[in-house]
Amino acid sequence: MKRVDSSDAYFNPSDFRAYLARRLGKPESYLFIPSEVLFTYDRRIFGAATSVATASPVDWYIYSGRPFTRRLAKREVAVVHALIGASAAAMNLEELIAYGAKKVFEVGVSGSIDTRLKPGDIVVLEGAISDEGTSKHYYRDKDTFKPSARLTKELKTALRSKRIRYATGRAWTTDAPYRETKEKVAAQLARGARVVNMESSAIFAIASYRGIETASVQVISDIVSETWEPAFHTEAVTKGRMKVLDAVLAAANR
């Protein structure tokens, strides 16, 4: 595994933080988020997580989907409506790390390529196979990435404590959702992938590169098999979203 040296980059996320602080006329310490982060691409999960009295928007954040902070029983967490796709999510995460993120719970929806997984099922990722173009800029000769074992264990504990059933497996992460061919699905199944999404391998790669922890839980939103079976707006998927939100907040509050 060959890690790309960060010292040869012209600028890093910490430089962007310093630039933004100057633009806002604030000290860099003002640009801060809590260390625990719920990082979701799903607007329904984000909306449910932030529609409580203890949640408030971060006023200095520059993107349209501003993060919120939310007070839990034991600590404050950040709730981020993340950008979609590996490269955009990677930029998003890099900057959040510069602002203070240390434990990131990725919460997403994924397509099932293992037809034993049905819409609304919950999958805790134990790895992700990179078929995207971002992670290679962090690790040259590696295409499989893992989340934090400790944080993943905490996530599983939270799911079990709430009696939420879940499966485990790898994700296949691709930049091209409309090129999920029969041959590619078969190849990824052979490598242990059970779901397909657009971000997880890049998120795991960056977490490893920057020395933070991440865990990922996915809700099955569609089935990618002989025919495509979308189920994004079904009751089963809606229930799955709320279950994972409940469990992730519990894990972040431990």
Foldseek 3Di string as FASTA:
>chain_A
DAFDDPVPDPDFLLVVLVVLCVVVVHPSLLLAFEQEEEEEQDVVLLCVVQPDPQWDFSPSDDDPFTWIWGDDPAGIYIYGNADFFAVRNLVVVRNNVSRRHFEYEYEYAWAFLAVVADFLAKEWEQKEFEQEDQLCNGPVPDGMFGFDPVLSVLLVVLCVVVPHDHHYWYEYAHRDPPPCDPVNSVVVVVVTHGTYGGHDNSVRSVCVRVVGGYIYMYGYQWYDYPDTGGRNPPPSNVVSSVSSSSSSVVSSND
